[in-house]
Amino acid sequence: MNPYSENNYSLWLKSFGDSDGRLELAAQYFGVHVVKQEKQKLYESKKTSLKFSTPEECKESLSVLENYVKEIGYQNFSNEKSEIIALTEKLENERKQIQYDSKRKTLDFTTANGCRQSLSVLESFALSINFTNYDKDKAHIIELADKLERQEKQSLFQQKKSSLDFSNNEVLEKNWPILEEYAISIGYQLASDEKLKMIPEMENKEKASRTVNGVLYGTVEMAREAAKVAQEAERIAREAAKAEQQRLDEIQTRTVNGKVFDTVEKAEKEKSRKKVGIILAIGFLIFPPLSFMTFMKGYSFKARIYPICILLFFLLIFVAAIFSDKDKKDKPVLTPSVVNVPPQQENKIDGGTKKNDITGTWKGNLEGEGQMDIKSSSTGFDVSLNVSAASAGGMACTGTIDGAGTLSGNTLTLVKKEEGSQTCTITIKFSDNTASVSEDNCSFFHGAACGFSGTLKKE
């Protein structure tokens, strides 16, 4: 074997070790320094193959490394050993801390007595697992127990204080010894100025007993009487608001498609009526006999007018065609395409009512008995609208509004605003001799039990 070959020393160390250190001495004798480096590499490789995640693995790995360094003659293991021992202790302390924290979570620390009982349990548990960090937590628990005890005594003292009367100097002198005796019995330390502090509180309570809605009265009796009056006023206001809401709800139940009916029964009947839709109207044009469908139950008279007119129109065309054939066979048959509908007269508004016809007096049912007077003017029309109705308690509810109206199509609009009120809009829609009236933000011009919405007919 060549004593100067580094490979020979490395192979020998891996195969047979160097427990007595002679291999390293022999290599140094021949000027070869590879053995010490190889021992370091072998140690690092062995250490990497072991586990150090738990205290048990650390202890087992430490034992394996101690035997291995003896086998290969590794001399620098003392520092490594200290690090492994420190890691083992750290992992053990972490495990004990987890066990201690888990035990602590099961105990009660919400009261002073609970803290002291839990402290005894934790102390025994810490000793059983040899947990060395218990002293810090013990001091914290003792401090918490003292704090909770002070708070409990403070709470008991305040409860006792609240149960006694300190509304004036006489009862203060009478009940103060009772409070002092109670504080001593529970171990509560009274402040030196505790009694003096109660004098402003007493004065504040006395003022509070004489104060109603921010007003300070001369005596408690006057304050109580004022409170009764305020409560009665609040009750009346609530009842008035409730009555108004019921009135509005009742009107809502009588309203169908913007029209207010006299009774709920009429409104329900209107809701139940069937409508003639666009598709059905087109069907009447394509096949006129479909018009007979509107004679079924549920269709209103207005819903039947359109299909009946279509049916009569085609019937007249048919009859005219028959008579035309009998008189002159060369005359063309009258068809819908050659029928000329006369243009609408300029002196009429939508609905067939003449412009001049809207002037005059209109009467009917609004939210009460209503009357409307319309006069022509240079700028349009002068409108005067009045309503009256009996309210609860025999009092009469009235309303009046007048002003210039603007006509657009079949709709007459009156807009008026008084100082300090919202803009009131009265909308009047005409159809033949009927006028439908509706209002928006006009409560300023009438009482709560009446209104301008409803239907009027011309006199």
Protein backbone atom coordinates (compact mmCIF):
# COMPACT_ATOMS: atom_id res chain seq x y z
CA MET A 1 0.00 0.00 0.00
CA ASN A 2 1.33 3.39 -0.98
CA PRO A 3 1.67 5.47 2.26
CA TYR A 4 1.53 8.71 0.27
CA SER A 5 -1.86 8.05 -1.45
CA GLU A 6 -4.78 10.05 0.03
CA ASN A 7 -7.34 7.62 -1.44
CA ASN A 8 -5.82 4.75 0.54
CA TYR A 9 -6.30 6.63 3.85
CA SER A 10 -9.90 7.62 2.96
CA LEU A 11 -10.78 4.02 2.03
CA TRP A 12 -9.21 2.66 5.23
CA LEU A 13 -11.09 5.22 7.40
CA LYS A 14 -14.46 4.35 5.84
CA SER A 15 -13.87 0.61 6.13
CA PHE A 16 -12.15 0.22 9.53
CA GLY A 17 -12.46 3.59 11.27
CA ASP A 18 -9.76 5.14 13.49
CA SER A 19 -10.87 4.61 17.07
CA ASP A 20 -7.36 4.91 18.51
CA GLY A 21 -6.23 7.76 16.23
CA ARG A 22 -3.24 5.85 14.81
CA LEU A 23 -4.38 6.22 11.21
CA GLU A 24 -4.41 10.00 11.51
CA LEU A 25 -0.90 9.97 13.14
CA ALA A 26 0.45 7.74 10.37
CA ALA A 27 -0.91 10.02 7.69
CA GLN A 28 0.64 13.07 9.37
CA TYR A 29 3.97 11.20 9.57
CA PHE A 30 3.98 10.79 5.79
CA GLY A 31 2.77 14.38 5.25
CA VAL A 32 -0.81 13.44 4.29
CA HIS A 33 -3.49 15.64 5.96
CA VAL A 34 -6.67 14.22 4.39
CA VAL A 35 -7.73 12.03 7.36
CA LYS A 36 -8.95 14.91 9.57
CA GLN A 37 -11.03 16.36 6.72
CA GLU A 38 -12.49 12.95 5.90
CA LYS A 39 -13.53 12.49 9.55
CA GLN A 40 -15.37 15.84 9.41
CA LYS A 41 -17.18 14.82 6.19
CA LEU A 42 -18.12 11.41 7.57
CA TYR A 43 -19.48 13.05 10.76
CA GLU A 44 -21.56 15.59 8.81
CA SER A 45 -22.95 12.86 6.54
CA LYS A 46 -23.90 10.71 9.54
CA LYS A 47 -25.55 13.65 11.33
CA THR A 48 -27.58 14.54 8.22
CA SER A 49 -29.01 11.02 8.08
CA LEU A 50 -30.42 11.31 11.62
CA LYS A 51 -33.59 13.05 12.94
CA PHE A 52 -33.79 15.85 15.54
CA SER A 53 -37.50 16.94 15.45
CA THR A 54 -38.52 15.59 18.89
CA PRO A 55 -36.71 15.21 22.25
CA GLU A 56 -36.77 11.40 21.83
CA GLU A 57 -35.20 11.61 18.36
CA CYS A 58 -32.55 14.00 19.67
CA LYS A 59 -31.56 11.63 22.49
CA GLU A 60 -31.48 8.63 20.16
CA SER A 61 -29.46 10.49 17.53
CA LEU A 62 -27.04 11.78 20.19
CA SER A 63 -26.35 8.20 21.32
CA VAL A 64 -25.74 7.09 17.71
CA LEU A 65 -23.36 10.02 17.08
CA GLU A 66 -21.39 9.36 20.30
CA ASN A 67 -20.70 5.77 19.21
CA TYR A 68 -19.88 6.87 15.67
CA VAL A 69 -17.35 9.56 16.62
CA LYS A 70 -15.58 7.03 18.85
CA GLU A 71 -15.45 4.63 15.92
CA ILE A 72 -13.88 7.11 13.48
CA GLY A 73 -11.84 9.00 16.10
CA TYR A 74 -13.60 12.39 15.56
CA GLN A 75 -12.16 14.87 18.11
CA ASN A 76 -14.48 17.98 17.74
CA PHE A 77 -17.72 16.39 18.96
CA SER A 78 -17.96 18.16 22.36
CA ASN A 79 -19.38 21.40 20.89
CA GLU A 80 -21.77 19.47 18.65
CA LYS A 81 -22.91 17.42 21.64
CA SER A 82 -23.69 20.58 23.65
CA GLU A 83 -25.81 21.94 20.79
CA ILE A 84 -27.79 18.69 20.53
CA ILE A 85 -28.38 18.64 24.29
CA ALA A 86 -29.56 22.29 24.16
CA LEU A 87 -31.91 21.44 21.27
CA THR A 88 -33.28 18.50 23.24
CA GLU A 89 -34.02 20.73 26.24
CA LYS A 90 -35.64 23.36 24.00
CA LEU A 91 -37.94 20.80 22.39
CA GLU A 92 -38.83 19.38 25.81
CA ASN A 93 -39.66 22.87 27.12
CA GLU A 94 -41.80 23.60 24.06
CA ARG A 95 -43.70 20.35 24.58
CA LYS A 96 -44.22 21.14 28.26
CA GLN A 97 -45.37 24.65 27.37
CA ILE A 98 -47.98 23.21 24.98
CA GLN A 99 -49.16 20.77 27.66
CA TYR A 100 -49.28 23.57 30.24
CA ASP A 101 -51.23 25.91 27.92
CA SER A 102 -53.72 23.14 27.09
CA LYS A 103 -54.29 22.54 30.80
CA ARG A 104 -54.61 26.27 31.45
CA LYS A 105 -57.37 26.64 28.84
CA THR A 106 -59.56 24.18 30.75
CA LEU A 107 -59.52 26.30 33.93
CA ASP A 108 -61.58 29.32 35.06
CA PHE A 109 -59.95 32.75 35.39
CA THR A 110 -63.07 34.94 35.27
CA THR A 111 -63.37 35.41 39.04
CA ALA A 112 -60.92 35.90 41.91
CA ASN A 113 -61.94 32.59 43.50
CA GLY A 114 -61.63 30.82 40.15
CA CYS A 115 -58.11 32.23 39.68
CA ARG A 116 -56.97 30.94 43.09
CA GLN A 117 -58.42 27.47 42.55
CA SER A 118 -56.91 27.30 39.05
CA LEU A 119 -53.54 28.42 40.46
CA SER A 120 -53.43 25.41 42.79
CA VAL A 121 -54.30 23.03 39.94
CA LEU A 122 -51.66 24.53 37.63
CA GLU A 123 -49.00 24.39 40.31
CA SER A 124 -49.53 20.65 40.81
CA PHE A 125 -49.59 20.05 37.05
CA ALA A 126 -46.37 22.05 36.49
CA LEU A 127 -44.59 19.98 39.12
CA SER A 128 -45.84 16.75 37.56
CA ILE A 129 -44.33 17.61 34.14
CA ASN A 130 -41.31 19.49 35.58
CA PHE A 131 -42.31 22.75 33.85
CA THR A 132 -39.78 25.42 34.88
CA ASN A 133 -41.52 28.48 33.39
CA TYR A 134 -44.47 28.24 35.77
CA ASP A 135 -43.27 30.98 38.16
CA LYS A 136 -43.84 33.80 35.63
CA ASP A 137 -47.40 32.68 34.93
CA LYS A 138 -48.03 32.21 38.67
CA ALA A 139 -47.21 35.88 39.35
CA HIS A 140 -49.52 36.93 36.53
CA ILE A 141 -52.41 34.80 37.88
CA ILE A 142 -51.97 36.21 41.40
CA GLU A 143 -52.05 39.75 40.01
CA LEU A 144 -55.20 38.91 37.99
CA ALA A 145 -56.90 37.42 41.07
CA ASP A 146 -56.20 40.57 43.10
CA LYS A 147 -57.56 42.77 40.30
CA LEU A 148 -60.75 40.70 39.94
CA GLU A 149 -61.24 40.73 43.71
CA ARG A 150 -61.05 44.53 43.77
CA GLN A 151 -63.55 44.72 40.90
CA GLU A 152 -65.94 42.32 42.64
CA LYS A 153 -65.82 44.32 45.85
CA GLN A 154 -66.32 47.54 43.87
CA SER A 155 -69.36 46.02 42.16
CA LEU A 156 -70.87 44.83 45.45
CA PHE A 157 -70.28 48.25 46.99
CA GLN A 158 -71.96 50.03 44.06
CA GLN A 159 -74.94 47.67 44.23
CA LYS A 160 -75.36 48.37 47.94
CA LYS A 161 -74.93 52.10 47.30
CA SER A 162 -77.62 52.02 44.59
CA SER A 163 -80.04 50.23 46.93
CA LEU A 164 -79.86 53.07 49.50
CA ASP A 165 -81.46 56.51 49.26
CA PHE A 166 -79.08 59.50 49.10
CA SER A 167 -81.47 62.03 47.58
CA ASN A 168 -80.96 64.69 50.28
CA ASN A 169 -78.74 65.55 53.24
CA GLU A 170 -81.06 63.96 55.80
CA VAL A 171 -81.08 60.51 54.24
CA LEU A 172 -77.37 60.86 53.41
CA GLU A 173 -76.50 61.18 57.11
CA LYS A 174 -78.84 58.31 57.93
CA ASN A 175 -77.69 55.79 55.30
CA TRP A 176 -73.96 56.62 55.14
CA PRO A 177 -73.09 54.57 58.31
CA ILE A 178 -74.92 51.58 56.78
CA LEU A 179 -72.81 51.86 53.63
CA GLU A 180 -69.59 52.21 55.64
CA GLU A 181 -70.39 49.10 57.69
CA TYR A 182 -71.11 47.11 54.52
CA ALA A 183 -67.82 48.23 52.92
CA ILE A 184 -65.91 46.99 56.01
CA SER A 185 -67.78 43.65 55.95
CA ILE A 186 -66.69 42.91 52.36
CA GLY A 187 -63.18 44.34 52.80
CA TYR A 188 -63.72 47.28 50.48
CA GLN A 189 -61.43 50.26 51.09
CA LEU A 190 -63.45 53.47 51.04
CA ALA A 191 -61.81 56.57 49.59
CA SER A 192 -61.29 59.41 52.03
CA ASP A 193 -63.50 61.73 49.96
CA GLU A 194 -66.13 59.13 49.08
CA LYS A 195 -68.84 60.87 51.10
CA LEU A 196 -68.00 64.28 49.63
CA LYS A 197 -68.24 62.86 46.11
CA MET A 198 -71.83 61.79 46.79
CA ILE A 199 -73.03 65.36 47.42
CA PRO A 200 -72.79 66.42 43.71
CA GLU A 201 -74.35 63.10 42.71
CA MET A 202 -77.20 63.74 45.14
CA GLU A 203 -77.73 67.23 43.70
CA ASN A 204 -77.66 65.89 40.14
CA LYS A 205 -80.25 63.22 40.97
CA GLU A 206 -82.46 65.82 42.58
CA LYS A 207 -82.23 68.03 39.46
CA ALA A 208 -82.89 65.03 37.24
CA SER A 209 -86.08 64.27 39.18
CA ARG A 210 -87.27 67.83 38.41
CA THR A 211 -86.33 67.76 34.70
CA VAL A 212 -88.75 66.73 31.94
CA ASN A 213 -87.78 66.98 28.25
CA GLY A 214 -84.87 69.27 29.09
CA VAL A 215 -87.00 71.68 31.21
CA LEU A 216 -86.12 72.11 34.91
CA TYR A 217 -89.22 72.57 37.10
CA GLY A 218 -89.43 74.09 40.57
CA THR A 219 -90.64 70.95 42.35
CA VAL A 220 -90.75 67.22 41.75
CA GLU A 221 -94.58 67.36 41.74
CA MET A 222 -94.54 69.93 38.93
CA ALA A 223 -92.11 67.77 36.95
CA ARG A 224 -94.32 64.70 37.38
CA GLU A 225 -97.37 66.62 36.21
CA ALA A 226 -95.47 67.90 33.16
CA ALA A 227 -94.36 64.36 32.38
CA LYS A 228 -97.98 63.17 32.47
CA VAL A 229 -99.00 65.98 30.07
CA ALA A 230 -96.12 65.11 27.72
CA GLN A 231 -97.05 61.43 27.76
CA GLU A 232 -100.70 62.24 27.00
CA ALA A 233 -99.67 64.52 24.12
CA GLU A 234 -97.42 61.79 22.74
CA ARG A 235 -100.28 59.27 23.00
CA ILE A 236 -102.66 61.58 21.13
CA ALA A 237 -100.04 62.17 18.41
CA ARG A 238 -99.55 58.43 18.02
CA GLU A 239 -103.29 57.84 17.72
CA ALA A 240 -103.63 60.64 15.17
CA ALA A 241 -100.78 59.22 13.10
CA LYS A 242 -102.34 55.77 13.32
CA ALA A 243 -105.73 57.10 12.22
CA GLU A 244 -104.13 58.96 9.29
CA GLN A 245 -102.27 55.84 8.23
CA GLN A 246 -105.50 53.81 8.40
CA ARG A 247 -107.21 56.44 6.25
CA LEU A 248 -104.43 56.30 3.67
CA ASP A 249 -104.52 52.50 3.70
CA GLU A 250 -108.28 52.56 3.21
CA ILE A 251 -107.92 54.93 0.23
CA GLN A 252 -105.23 52.68 -1.20
CA THR A 253 -107.59 49.69 -1.06
CA ARG A 254 -110.19 51.76 -2.98
CA THR A 255 -107.73 52.84 -5.68
CA VAL A 256 -107.43 50.89 -8.94
CA ASN A 257 -105.26 52.17 -11.82
CA GLY A 258 -105.12 55.63 -10.25
CA LYS A 259 -108.90 55.90 -9.81
CA VAL A 260 -110.43 56.10 -6.32
CA PHE A 261 -113.76 54.27 -5.93
CA ASP A 262 -116.49 55.02 -3.38
CA THR A 263 -116.31 51.60 -1.71
CA VAL A 264 -113.87 48.72 -1.42
CA GLU A 265 -116.41 46.44 -3.09
CA LYS A 266 -116.42 48.59 -6.23
CA ALA A 267 -112.62 48.64 -6.28
CA GLU A 268 -112.43 44.85 -5.94
CA LYS A 269 -114.98 44.48 -8.72
CA GLU A 270 -112.89 46.71 -10.98
CA LYS A 271 -109.76 44.66 -10.21
CA SER A 272 -111.57 41.45 -11.16
CA ARG A 273 -112.61 42.76 -14.59
CA LYS A 274 -110.84 41.24 -17.56
CA LYS A 275 -108.88 43.48 -19.94
CA VAL A 276 -108.69 43.43 -23.72
CA GLY A 277 -104.98 43.14 -24.55
CA ILE A 278 -103.17 44.13 -27.74
CA ILE A 279 -102.97 40.56 -29.06
CA LEU A 280 -106.70 40.02 -28.53
CA ALA A 281 -107.50 43.41 -30.19
CA ILE A 282 -105.46 42.38 -33.25
CA GLY A 283 -107.38 39.10 -33.27
CA PHE A 284 -110.66 41.05 -33.41
CA LEU A 285 -109.41 42.82 -36.56
CA ILE A 286 -108.26 39.60 -38.21
CA PHE A 287 -111.29 37.52 -37.19
CA PRO A 288 -114.23 39.75 -36.09
CA PRO A 289 -116.37 36.89 -34.64
CA LEU A 290 -113.86 36.73 -31.80
CA SER A 291 -115.63 39.86 -30.51
CA PHE A 292 -118.31 37.62 -29.00
CA MET A 293 -115.71 36.49 -26.42
CA THR A 294 -116.14 39.82 -24.61
CA PHE A 295 -119.74 38.87 -23.75
CA MET A 296 -118.34 36.25 -21.37
CA LYS A 297 -118.52 36.97 -17.64
CA GLY A 298 -115.82 39.29 -16.31
CA TYR A 299 -115.50 41.82 -19.15
CA SER A 300 -116.65 45.40 -18.47
CA PHE A 301 -118.90 47.44 -20.73
CA LYS A 302 -115.94 49.57 -21.84
CA ALA A 303 -113.97 46.43 -22.76
CA ARG A 304 -116.85 45.33 -24.98
CA ILE A 305 -117.26 48.61 -26.91
CA TYR A 306 -114.13 48.22 -29.07
CA PRO A 307 -114.80 44.66 -30.35
CA ILE A 308 -118.55 45.45 -30.86
CA CYS A 309 -117.63 48.50 -32.97
CA ILE A 310 -115.26 46.40 -35.05
CA LEU A 311 -117.96 43.75 -35.51
CA LEU A 312 -120.56 46.35 -36.50
CA PHE A 313 -118.09 48.05 -38.85
CA PHE A 314 -117.40 44.86 -40.76
CA LEU A 315 -121.10 43.99 -40.70
CA LEU A 316 -121.97 47.36 -42.26
CA ILE A 317 -119.32 46.81 -44.94
CA PHE A 318 -120.76 43.38 -45.64
CA VAL A 319 -124.37 44.70 -45.87
CA ALA A 320 -123.27 47.65 -48.03
CA ALA A 321 -121.46 45.30 -50.37
CA ILE A 322 -124.57 43.12 -50.75
CA PHE A 323 -126.85 46.06 -51.58
CA SER A 324 -124.26 47.55 -53.88
CA ASP A 325 -124.10 44.29 -55.86
CA LYS A 326 -127.86 44.30 -56.23
CA ASP A 327 -128.01 47.92 -57.45
CA LYS A 328 -124.86 48.23 -59.51
CA LYS A 329 -122.67 45.28 -60.09
CA ASP A 330 -119.94 47.41 -61.61
CA LYS A 331 -119.48 49.48 -58.41
CA PRO A 332 -116.54 48.46 -56.28
CA VAL A 333 -117.23 46.79 -52.97
CA LEU A 334 -116.71 49.04 -49.95
CA THR A 335 -113.71 47.86 -47.98
CA PRO A 336 -112.08 49.12 -44.80
CA SER A 337 -109.23 50.63 -46.82
CA VAL A 338 -111.50 53.16 -48.55
CA VAL A 339 -113.38 54.27 -45.47
CA ASN A 340 -112.38 57.78 -44.49
CA VAL A 341 -112.63 58.70 -40.85
CA PRO A 342 -113.35 62.42 -40.49
CA PRO A 343 -110.52 64.31 -38.82
CA GLN A 344 -110.90 65.34 -35.19
CA GLN A 345 -112.37 68.75 -34.74
CA GLU A 346 -109.94 71.37 -33.46
CA ASN A 347 -112.38 72.56 -30.83
CA LYS A 348 -112.20 69.19 -29.04
CA ILE A 349 -109.71 67.75 -26.56
CA ASP A 350 -108.80 64.05 -26.13
CA GLY A 351 -111.81 62.08 -24.97
CA GLY A 352 -114.33 63.97 -27.18
CA THR A 353 -114.93 66.87 -24.80
CA LYS A 354 -114.95 70.35 -26.34
CA LYS A 355 -112.57 72.87 -24.89
CA ASN A 356 -115.43 75.22 -24.12
CA ASP A 357 -117.28 72.34 -22.42
CA ILE A 358 -114.79 72.13 -19.50
CA THR A 359 -115.79 75.58 -18.23
CA GLY A 360 -118.53 75.69 -15.63
CA THR A 361 -119.26 73.92 -12.32
CA TRP A 362 -118.27 70.32 -11.58
CA LYS A 363 -119.45 68.41 -8.49
CA GLY A 364 -118.91 64.93 -7.11
CA ASN A 365 -117.01 62.77 -4.61
CA LEU A 366 -113.45 63.69 -3.78
CA GLU A 367 -112.07 62.74 -0.37
CA GLY A 368 -115.23 64.43 0.87
CA GLU A 369 -117.86 66.46 -1.03
CA GLY A 370 -116.12 68.30 -3.87
CA GLN A 371 -116.89 71.22 -6.20
CA MET A 372 -114.76 72.68 -9.01
CA ASP A 373 -115.38 75.93 -10.95
CA ILE A 374 -113.53 76.52 -14.26
CA LYS A 375 -113.58 79.82 -16.14
CA SER A 376 -111.87 80.82 -19.38
CA SER A 377 -109.13 83.46 -19.19
CA SER A 378 -106.70 85.15 -21.55
CA THR A 379 -103.89 82.86 -20.36
CA GLY A 380 -105.93 79.63 -20.22
CA PHE A 381 -108.37 78.75 -17.43
CA ASP A 382 -109.03 79.94 -13.87
CA VAL A 383 -109.64 76.96 -11.57
CA SER A 384 -111.20 76.94 -8.06
CA LEU A 385 -111.36 73.56 -6.21
CA ASN A 386 -113.13 73.02 -2.84
CA VAL A 387 -113.68 69.96 -0.63
CA SER A 388 -115.40 69.40 2.74
CA ALA A 389 -115.94 66.34 4.94
CA ALA A 390 -116.91 65.47 8.51
CA SER A 391 -114.02 64.19 10.69
CA ALA A 392 -113.79 62.42 14.08
CA GLY A 393 -115.33 64.36 16.98
CA GLY A 394 -117.87 66.16 14.77
CA MET A 395 -115.29 68.62 13.44
CA ALA A 396 -115.44 69.54 9.75
CA CYS A 397 -112.44 69.04 7.44
CA THR A 398 -112.22 71.53 4.55
CA GLY A 399 -109.81 72.41 1.75
CA THR A 400 -109.56 75.12 -0.93
CA ILE A 401 -107.13 75.82 -3.78
CA ASP A 402 -107.40 78.13 -6.78
CA GLY A 403 -105.16 79.41 -9.57
CA ALA A 404 -104.40 79.38 -13.27
CA GLY A 405 -104.66 76.03 -15.06
CA THR A 406 -102.78 74.84 -18.13
CA LEU A 407 -104.55 72.53 -20.63
CA SER A 408 -102.55 69.84 -22.49
CA GLY A 409 -104.57 67.30 -24.44
CA ASN A 410 -107.37 66.19 -22.12
CA THR A 411 -105.45 67.12 -18.95
CA LEU A 412 -105.73 70.40 -17.03
CA THR A 413 -102.87 71.06 -14.56
CA LEU A 414 -102.88 73.51 -11.64
CA VAL A 415 -99.53 74.15 -9.87
CA LYS A 416 -99.37 76.27 -6.70
CA LYS A 417 -96.82 76.86 -3.92
CA GLU A 418 -97.34 78.83 -0.70
CA GLU A 419 -94.46 80.12 1.45
CA GLY A 420 -93.09 77.39 3.70
CA SER A 421 -94.89 74.56 1.84
CA GLN A 422 -94.07 72.05 -0.92
CA THR A 423 -95.16 72.61 -4.53
CA CYS A 424 -98.77 71.38 -4.89
CA THR A 425 -99.83 69.87 -8.24
CA ILE A 426 -103.52 69.26 -9.11
CA THR A 427 -104.07 67.07 -12.21
CA ILE A 428 -107.55 66.98 -13.82
CA LYS A 429 -108.24 64.50 -16.65
CA PHE A 430 -111.47 65.00 -18.70
CA SER A 431 -113.50 62.30 -20.42
CA ASP A 432 -116.90 63.39 -21.76
CA ASN A 433 -118.70 64.94 -18.75
CA THR A 434 -116.41 63.28 -16.15
CA ALA A 435 -113.29 64.79 -14.55
CA SER A 436 -110.79 62.62 -12.59
CA VAL A 437 -108.89 64.72 -10.04
CA SER A 438 -105.59 63.72 -8.34
CA GLU A 439 -103.18 65.66 -6.11
CA ASP A 440 -99.48 65.60 -5.24
CA ASN A 441 -97.97 67.32 -2.12
CA CYS A 442 -101.18 69.33 -1.47
CA SER A 443 -101.79 68.53 2.24
CA PHE A 444 -101.01 72.22 3.03
CA PHE A 445 -104.29 73.26 1.32
CA HIS A 446 -106.68 70.86 3.14
CA GLY A 447 -107.16 69.08 6.46
CA ALA A 448 -105.94 65.56 7.36
CA ALA A 449 -109.42 63.97 7.04
CA CYS A 450 -110.17 65.22 3.49
CA GLY A 451 -108.40 65.65 0.12
CA PHE A 452 -108.74 66.66 -3.53
CA SER A 453 -108.51 63.21 -5.16
CA GLY A 454 -111.70 61.78 -6.69
CA THR A 455 -114.20 62.08 -9.55
CA LEU A 456 -116.44 65.03 -10.51
CA LYS A 457 -119.26 65.37 -13.03
CA LYS A 458 -120.35 68.54 -14.79
CA GLU A 459 -123.58 70.15 -13.61
